[in-house]
Amino acid sequence: MREVTVAGFVVCGLLIAALVAQARLAPFTVARLSTLLDVVMQDRAARVTVLLFWWWLGWHFLVVPPQP
């Protein structure tokens, strides 16, 4: 089951990379990531949500479980 979850995050990462590439190739069809983040980060609730998401992501993938 862990492999499915990791694969899902990899797919999401690849989709994000594809959107960034699309934004650079045709700048008028998709907003740039920096523009999107500027708009999103204006709201305090969104900043807290992004912070909690990164905390959750790091906790689940970067923390090593204790060894018995």
PDB file of N, CA and C in Angstrom:
ATOM      1  N   MET A   1       0.818  -1.194   0.000  1.00  0.00           N
ATOM      2  CA  MET A   1       0.000   0.000   0.000  1.00  0.00           C
ATOM      3  C   MET A   1       0.865   1.263   0.000  1.00  0.00           C
ATOM      4  N   ARG A   2       2.010   1.210   0.665  1.00  0.00           N
ATOM      5  CA  ARG A   2       2.899   2.368   0.714  1.00  0.00           C
ATOM      6  C   ARG A   2       3.406   2.712  -0.684  1.00  0.00           C
ATOM      7  N   GLU A   3       3.648   1.691  -1.489  1.00  0.00           N
ATOM      8  CA  GLU A   3       4.138   1.926  -2.845  1.00  0.00           C
ATOM      9  C   GLU A   3       3.104   2.684  -3.681  1.00  0.00           C
ATOM     10  N   VAL A   4       1.826   2.376  -3.466  1.00  0.00           N
ATOM     11  CA  VAL A   4       0.760   3.071  -4.189  1.00  0.00           C
ATOM     12  C   VAL A   4       0.735   4.541  -3.787  1.00  0.00           C
ATOM     13  N   THR A   5       0.880   4.817  -2.513  1.00  0.00           N
ATOM     14  CA  THR A   5       0.873   6.196  -2.031  1.00  0.00           C
ATOM     15  C   THR A   5       2.062   6.971  -2.588  1.00  0.00           C
ATOM     16  N   VAL A   6       3.238   6.367  -2.520  1.00  0.00           N
ATOM     17  CA  VAL A   6       4.432   7.034  -3.052  1.00  0.00           C
ATOM     18  C   VAL A   6       4.282   7.254  -4.548  1.00  0.00           C
ATOM     19  N   ALA A   7       3.752   6.269  -5.254  1.00  0.00           N
ATOM     20  CA  ALA A   7       3.534   6.418  -6.698  1.00  0.00           C
ATOM     21  C   ALA A   7       2.559   7.556  -6.980  1.00  0.00           C
ATOM     22  N   GLY A   8       1.536   7.695  -6.162  1.00  0.00           N
ATOM     23  CA  GLY A   8       0.590   8.796  -6.325  1.00  0.00           C
ATOM     24  C   GLY A   8       1.265  10.148  -6.169  1.00  0.00           C
ATOM     25  N   PHE A   9       2.151  10.274  -5.178  1.00  0.00           N
ATOM     26  CA  PHE A   9       2.862  11.529  -4.990  1.00  0.00           C
ATOM     27  C   PHE A   9       3.827  11.783  -6.149  1.00  0.00           C
ATOM     28  N   VAL A  10       4.447  10.741  -6.668  1.00  0.00           N
ATOM     29  CA  VAL A  10       5.345  10.901  -7.818  1.00  0.00           C
ATOM     30  C   VAL A  10       4.549  11.379  -9.031  1.00  0.00           C
ATOM     31  N   VAL A  11       3.384  10.798  -9.256  1.00  0.00           N
ATOM     32  CA  VAL A  11       2.534  11.226 -10.374  1.00  0.00           C
ATOM     33  C   VAL A  11       2.132  12.686 -10.201  1.00  0.00           C
ATOM     34  N   CYS A  12       1.749  13.079  -8.987  1.00  0.00           N
ATOM     35  CA  CYS A  12       1.397  14.482  -8.729  1.00  0.00           C
ATOM     36  C   CYS A  12       2.584  15.395  -9.008  1.00  0.00           C
ATOM     37  N   GLY A  13       3.766  14.985  -8.595  1.00  0.00           N
ATOM     38  CA  GLY A  13       4.967  15.778  -8.861  1.00  0.00           C
ATOM     39  C   GLY A  13       5.246  15.920 -10.343  1.00  0.00           C
ATOM     40  N   LEU A  14       5.060  14.836 -11.091  1.00  0.00           N
ATOM     41  CA  LEU A  14       5.262  14.894 -12.538  1.00  0.00           C
ATOM     42  C   LEU A  14       4.232  15.790 -13.212  1.00  0.00           C
ATOM     43  N   LEU A  15       2.993  15.741 -12.728  1.00  0.00           N
ATOM     44  CA  LEU A  15       1.962  16.618 -13.281  1.00  0.00           C
ATOM     45  C   LEU A  15       2.273  18.084 -12.994  1.00  0.00           C
ATOM     46  N   ILE A  16       2.770  18.365 -11.808  1.00  0.00           N
ATOM     47  CA  ILE A  16       3.157  19.739 -11.477  1.00  0.00           C
ATOM     48  C   ILE A  16       4.301  20.196 -12.377  1.00  0.00           C
ATOM     49  N   ALA A  17       5.285  19.323 -12.580  1.00  0.00           N
ATOM     50  CA  ALA A  17       6.406  19.662 -13.467  1.00  0.00           C
ATOM     51  C   ALA A  17       5.911  19.910 -14.889  1.00  0.00           C
ATOM     52  N   ALA A  18       4.937  19.127 -15.355  1.00  0.00           N
ATOM     53  CA  ALA A  18       4.383  19.324 -16.687  1.00  0.00           C
ATOM     54  C   ALA A  18       3.655  20.667 -16.782  1.00  0.00           C
ATOM     55  N   LEU A  19       2.937  21.039 -15.725  1.00  0.00           N
ATOM     56  CA  LEU A  19       2.256  22.334 -15.729  1.00  0.00           C
ATOM     57  C   LEU A  19       3.245  23.491 -15.740  1.00  0.00           C
ATOM     58  N   VAL A  20       4.335  23.353 -15.007  1.00  0.00           N
ATOM     59  CA  VAL A  20       5.357  24.403 -15.001  1.00  0.00           C
ATOM     60  C   VAL A  20       5.983  24.521 -16.384  1.00  0.00           C
ATOM     61  N   ALA A  21       6.275  23.378 -17.010  1.00  0.00           N
ATOM     62  CA  ALA A  21       6.843  23.411 -18.363  1.00  0.00           C
ATOM     63  C   ALA A  21       5.858  24.036 -19.340  1.00  0.00           C
ATOM     64  N   GLN A  22       4.590  23.687 -19.231  1.00  0.00           N
ATOM     65  CA  GLN A  22       3.558  24.273 -20.097  1.00  0.00           C
ATOM     66  C   GLN A  22       3.481  25.785 -19.902  1.00  0.00           C
ATOM     67  N   ALA A  23       3.577  26.233 -18.664  1.00  0.00           N
ATOM     68  CA  ALA A  23       3.510  27.667 -18.383  1.00  0.00           C
ATOM     69  C   ALA A  23       4.697  28.407 -18.992  1.00  0.00           C
ATOM     70  N   ARG A  24       5.849  27.769 -19.030  1.00  0.00           N
ATOM     71  CA  ARG A  24       7.024  28.422 -19.616  1.00  0.00           C
ATOM     72  C   ARG A  24       6.976  28.430 -21.143  1.00  0.00           C
ATOM     73  N   LEU A  25       6.385  27.393 -21.728  1.00  0.00           N
ATOM     74  CA  LEU A  25       6.326  27.315 -23.188  1.00  0.00           C
ATOM     75  C   LEU A  25       5.213  28.200 -23.763  1.00  0.00           C
ATOM     76  N   ALA A  26       4.081  28.244 -23.114  1.00  0.00           N
ATOM     77  CA  ALA A  26       2.944  29.057 -23.572  1.00  0.00           C
ATOM     78  C   ALA A  26       2.435  29.868 -22.387  1.00  0.00           C
ATOM     79  N   PRO A  27       3.054  30.997 -22.094  1.00  0.00           N
ATOM     80  CA  PRO A  27       2.763  31.732 -20.856  1.00  0.00           C
ATOM     81  C   PRO A  27       1.346  32.275 -20.741  1.00  0.00           C
ATOM     82  N   PHE A  28       0.586  32.331 -21.824  1.00  0.00           N
ATOM     83  CA  PHE A  28      -0.749  32.911 -21.735  1.00  0.00           C
ATOM     84  C   PHE A  28      -1.836  31.868 -21.518  1.00  0.00           C
ATOM     85  N   THR A  29      -1.490  30.578 -21.510  1.00  0.00           N
ATOM     86  CA  THR A  29      -2.509  29.550 -21.338  1.00  0.00           C
ATOM     87  C   THR A  29      -2.605  29.068 -19.893  1.00  0.00           C
ATOM     88  N   VAL A  30      -1.494  29.041 -19.185  1.00  0.00           N
ATOM     89  CA  VAL A  30      -1.466  28.570 -17.797  1.00  0.00           C
ATOM     90  C   VAL A  30      -0.690  29.588 -16.974  1.00  0.00           C
ATOM     91  N   ALA A  31      -1.224  29.920 -15.797  1.00  0.00           N
ATOM     92  CA  ALA A  31      -0.533  30.874 -14.937  1.00  0.00           C
ATOM     93  C   ALA A  31       0.779  30.279 -14.438  1.00  0.00           C
ATOM     94  N   ARG A  32       1.781  31.122 -14.289  1.00  0.00           N
ATOM     95  CA  ARG A  32       3.053  30.656 -13.732  1.00  0.00           C
ATOM     96  C   ARG A  32       2.855  30.275 -12.273  1.00  0.00           C
ATOM     97  N   LEU A  33       3.679  29.351 -11.796  1.00  0.00           N
ATOM     98  CA  LEU A  33       3.582  28.892 -10.422  1.00  0.00           C
ATOM     99  C   LEU A  33       3.804  30.047  -9.446  1.00  0.00           C
ATOM    100  N   SER A  34       4.738  30.926  -9.753  1.00  0.00           N
ATOM    101  CA  SER A  34       4.999  32.051  -8.853  1.00  0.00           C
ATOM    102  C   SER A  34       3.785  32.979  -8.757  1.00  0.00           C
ATOM    103  N   THR A  35       3.100  33.184  -9.857  1.00  0.00           N
ATOM    104  CA  THR A  35       1.896  34.014  -9.840  1.00  0.00           C
ATOM    105  C   THR A  35       0.803  33.351  -9.016  1.00  0.00           C
ATOM    106  N   LEU A  36       0.640  32.059  -9.195  1.00  0.00           N
ATOM    107  CA  LEU A  36      -0.355  31.319  -8.433  1.00  0.00           C
ATOM    108  C   LEU A  36      -0.055  31.386  -6.943  1.00  0.00           C
ATOM    109  N   LEU A  37       1.209  31.174  -6.572  1.00  0.00           N
ATOM    110  CA  LEU A  37       1.570  31.218  -5.150  1.00  0.00           C
ATOM    111  C   LEU A  37       1.397  32.616  -4.569  1.00  0.00           C
ATOM    112  N   ASP A  38       1.681  33.637  -5.359  1.00  0.00           N
ATOM    113  CA  ASP A  38       1.465  35.013  -4.878  1.00  0.00           C
ATOM    114  C   ASP A  38       0.002  35.241  -4.519  1.00  0.00           C
ATOM    115  N   VAL A  39      -0.892  34.749  -5.361  1.00  0.00           N
ATOM    116  CA  VAL A  39      -2.317  34.924  -5.106  1.00  0.00           C
ATOM    117  C   VAL A  39      -2.754  34.100  -3.900  1.00  0.00           C
ATOM    118  N   VAL A  40      -2.297  32.853  -3.840  1.00  0.00           N
ATOM    119  CA  VAL A  40      -2.714  31.961  -2.747  1.00  0.00           C
ATOM    120  C   VAL A  40      -2.172  32.447  -1.404  1.00  0.00           C
ATOM    121  N   MET A  41      -0.927  32.898  -1.377  1.00  0.00           N
ATOM    122  CA  MET A  41      -0.287  33.256  -0.117  1.00  0.00           C
ATOM    123  C   MET A  41      -0.769  34.588   0.459  1.00  0.00           C
ATOM    124  N   GLN A  42      -1.673  35.275  -0.215  1.00  0.00           N
ATOM    125  CA  GLN A  42      -2.219  36.509   0.338  1.00  0.00           C
ATOM    126  C   GLN A  42      -3.169  36.228   1.495  1.00  0.00           C
ATOM    127  N   ASP A  43      -3.743  35.042   1.538  1.00  0.00           N
ATOM    128  CA  ASP A  43      -4.699  34.677   2.572  1.00  0.00           C
ATOM    129  C   ASP A  43      -3.982  33.918   3.689  1.00  0.00           C
ATOM    130  N   ARG A  44      -4.217  34.313   4.927  1.00  0.00           N
ATOM    131  CA  ARG A  44      -3.539  33.679   6.056  1.00  0.00           C
ATOM    132  C   ARG A  44      -3.919  32.204   6.190  1.00  0.00           C
ATOM    133  N   ALA A  45      -5.188  31.878   5.986  1.00  0.00           N
ATOM    134  CA  ALA A  45      -5.628  30.483   6.092  1.00  0.00           C
ATOM    135  C   ALA A  45      -4.921  29.609   5.057  1.00  0.00           C
ATOM    136  N   ALA A  46      -4.702  30.138   3.872  1.00  0.00           N
ATOM    137  CA  ALA A  46      -3.998  29.376   2.843  1.00  0.00           C
ATOM    138  C   ALA A  46      -2.541  29.162   3.234  1.00  0.00           C
ATOM    139  N   ARG A  47      -1.906  30.180   3.811  1.00  0.00           N
ATOM    140  CA  ARG A  47      -0.506  30.020   4.253  1.00  0.00           C
ATOM    141  C   ARG A  47      -0.392  28.944   5.319  1.00  0.00           C
ATOM    142  N   VAL A  48      -1.327  28.931   6.264  1.00  0.00           N
ATOM    143  CA  VAL A  48      -1.315  27.912   7.319  1.00  0.00           C
ATOM    144  C   VAL A  48      -1.554  26.529   6.715  1.00  0.00           C
ATOM    145  N   THR A  49      -2.463  26.436   5.754  1.00  0.00           N
ATOM    146  CA  THR A  49      -2.749  25.160   5.105  1.00  0.00           C
ATOM    147  C   THR A  49      -1.519  24.642   4.369  1.00  0.00           C
ATOM    148  N   VAL A  50      -0.828  25.506   3.637  1.00  0.00           N
ATOM    149  CA  VAL A  50       0.383  25.090   2.926  1.00  0.00           C
ATOM    150  C   VAL A  50       1.447  24.647   3.922  1.00  0.00           C
ATOM    151  N   LEU A  51       1.604  25.384   5.009  1.00  0.00           N
ATOM    152  CA  LEU A  51       2.566  25.006   6.043  1.00  0.00           C
ATOM    153  C   LEU A  51       2.250  23.633   6.627  1.00  0.00           C
ATOM    154  N   LEU A  52       0.986  23.410   6.959  1.00  0.00           N
ATOM    155  CA  LEU A  52       0.601  22.109   7.514  1.00  0.00           C
ATOM    156  C   LEU A  52       0.774  20.991   6.503  1.00  0.00           C
ATOM    157  N   PHE A  53       0.515  21.253   5.230  1.00  0.00           N
ATOM    158  CA  PHE A  53       0.721  20.233   4.200  1.00  0.00           C
ATOM    159  C   PHE A  53       2.185  19.834   4.122  1.00  0.00           C
ATOM    160  N   TRP A  54       3.092  20.822   4.104  1.00  0.00           N
ATOM    161  CA  TRP A  54       4.520  20.505   4.026  1.00  0.00           C
ATOM    162  C   TRP A  54       4.979  19.772   5.283  1.00  0.00           C
ATOM    163  N   TRP A  55       4.425  20.146   6.441  1.00  0.00           N
ATOM    164  CA  TRP A  55       4.764  19.436   7.678  1.00  0.00           C
ATOM    165  C   TRP A  55       4.316  17.989   7.581  1.00  0.00           C
ATOM    166  N   TRP A  56       3.093  17.752   7.124  1.00  0.00           N
ATOM    167  CA  TRP A  56       2.559  16.396   6.995  1.00  0.00           C
ATOM    168  C   TRP A  56       3.400  15.585   6.013  1.00  0.00           C
ATOM    169  N   LEU A  57       3.743  16.186   4.881  1.00  0.00           N
ATOM    170  CA  LEU A  57       4.537  15.494   3.873  1.00  0.00           C
ATOM    171  C   LEU A  57       5.903  15.100   4.427  1.00  0.00           C
ATOM    172  N   GLY A  58       6.555  16.017   5.109  1.00  0.00           N
ATOM    173  CA  GLY A  58       7.859  15.713   5.697  1.00  0.00           C
ATOM    174  C   GLY A  58       7.768  14.665   6.789  1.00  0.00           C
ATOM    175  N   TRP A  59       6.733  14.745   7.598  1.00  0.00           N
ATOM    176  CA  TRP A  59       6.572  13.791   8.691  1.00  0.00           C
ATOM    177  C   TRP A  59       6.394  12.372   8.162  1.00  0.00           C
ATOM    178  N   HIS A  60       5.647  12.233   7.081  1.00  0.00           N
ATOM    179  CA  HIS A  60       5.342  10.903   6.574  1.00  0.00           C
ATOM    180  C   HIS A  60       6.436  10.321   5.690  1.00  0.00           C
ATOM    181  N   PHE A  61       7.261  11.155   5.081  1.00  0.00           N
ATOM    182  CA  PHE A  61       8.250  10.629   4.152  1.00  0.00           C
ATOM    183  C   PHE A  61       9.694  10.862   4.576  1.00  0.00           C
ATOM    184  N   LEU A  62       9.951  11.793   5.485  1.00  0.00           N
ATOM    185  CA  LEU A  62      11.327  12.091   5.859  1.00  0.00           C
ATOM    186  C   LEU A  62      11.712  11.617   7.251  1.00  0.00           C
ATOM    187  N   VAL A  63      10.731  11.335   8.099  1.00  0.00           N
ATOM    188  CA  VAL A  63      11.027  10.872   9.440  1.00  0.00           C
ATOM    189  C   VAL A  63      11.271   9.370   9.390  1.00  0.00           C
ATOM    190  N   VAL A  64      12.377   8.954   9.966  1.00  0.00           N
ATOM    191  CA  VAL A  64      12.702   7.525  10.001  1.00  0.00           C
ATOM    192  C   VAL A  64      12.003   6.902  11.199  1.00  0.00           C
ATOM    193  N   PRO A  65      11.281   5.787  10.984  1.00  0.00           N
ATOM    194  CA  PRO A  65      10.616   5.150  12.119  1.00  0.00           C
ATOM    195  C   PRO A  65      11.641   4.580  13.104  1.00  0.00           C
ATOM    196  N   PRO A  66      11.285   4.534  14.371  1.00  0.00           N
ATOM    197  CA  PRO A  66      12.233   4.014  15.358  1.00  0.00           C
ATOM    198  C   PRO A  66      12.529   2.527  15.113  1.00  0.00           C
ATOM    199  N   GLN A  67      13.764   2.174  15.353  1.00  0.00           N
ATOM    200  CA  GLN A  67      14.188   0.784  15.185  1.00  0.00           C
ATOM    201  C   GLN A  67      13.964   0.021  16.487  1.00  0.00           C
ATOM    202  N   PRO A  68      13.442  -1.212  16.402  1.00  0.00           N
ATOM    203  CA  PRO A  68      13.215  -1.987  17.636  1.00  0.00           C
ATOM    204  C   PRO A  68      14.499  -2.463  18.294  1.00  0.00           C
TER     205      PRO A  68
END
